[in-house]
Amino acid sequence: MTSLSQPAGTPAVPSPIGPEQDPGASASPGHDGHGSGHGHNAHGAHADHTMTGFVIFLASESLIFLALFVGYAVFKSSSPLWLPAGVEGLEVREPLINTVVLVSSSLVIWLAERALHRQRLGEFRAWWLLTMAMGTYFVVGQAIEWQHLPFGLASGVFGASFYLLTGFHGLHVVTGLALMALFLVRSLRPGLVLPEGKGVIAVSLFWHFVDVIWVVLFVLTYVWQRR
C-alpha cells in the first residue's frame, strides 16, 4: 500500500511556537504496525510532564511571593514608625492606571491563545504583540514611578521591602515579555506549521500568574497605607 505519511525526501518543518516534533518520526510504523501510536503517546506524555513541571515551578514562585507578602504585612503592622521621615504615603493614581493596563493584558493574551487555537495566526500575532505593548507600558510606568519616589532602597524597612517586592515582580514581568518576544519571532519563521501551542499556554499561564501577584502586591502596598 502507498504510505500516507510524509515522503522520506521532504524535510520536516519544526513548529516555531510549540514543542518541536518530527512528523516523519512519529508517523513511522513499528515492527507491529503501531509505531505511529507509540510515537504520538510518547510525545503527549513528554508534553504533559513539561506542563506539570511548569505548574510546579509556578507553585514554588507563589510560595516565594507568599513569604515576601507575609513578611511585609508583619513588619508593616508591627513597626511603630513605618514610613521614612518626610514621606506621607504612596501616590495611587499612576500605579492604579498601570494596574488596570497590566490586569487587562490577561484578557488580551487569552484572546491570543484563542486565536492560535482557531488557526488564525495573524490574529494571534496581533493580540500577542498588544499584550507585549501593555506589559512594556507597565514596566516603563513603574520605572518612572521609581525615579520620582521621595525615598530609596536604604530608607528603612519600608523602602527596602517596597523596592524588593516591586522589583522582584518587575523582574517577572520583564521575563514574561522576553518569552513573548521569543515566541513572536518564532511565529514569523517561514514554512510555519501551526502547533498545539504548549509553549504559548505556558507563557500565558506565567502572565496570568504575574498579574495575580501584582493585584495582591498593589493592595498591600498602595491600598493599605499606614501614616
Foldseek 3Di string as FASTA:
>chain_A
DDDPFDDPPDAADFALFDDGDRRVQLPDADPVRCSNVVSVVVVVVVLVVVVVVLVVVLVVVVVVLVVLLVVLVVCQVPPPDQFFPPDDAADQVLVVVLLVLLQVLLVLLVQLVVCLVVVNLVSNLVSLVSSLVSLVVSLVSVVVSQVPDPDACPRPPNRVSLCVLVVVLNVLSVVLSVLSVSSSVSSPDPPHDRDPRSNSVSSSVSSNSSSVSVVSVCCSGHVDDDD
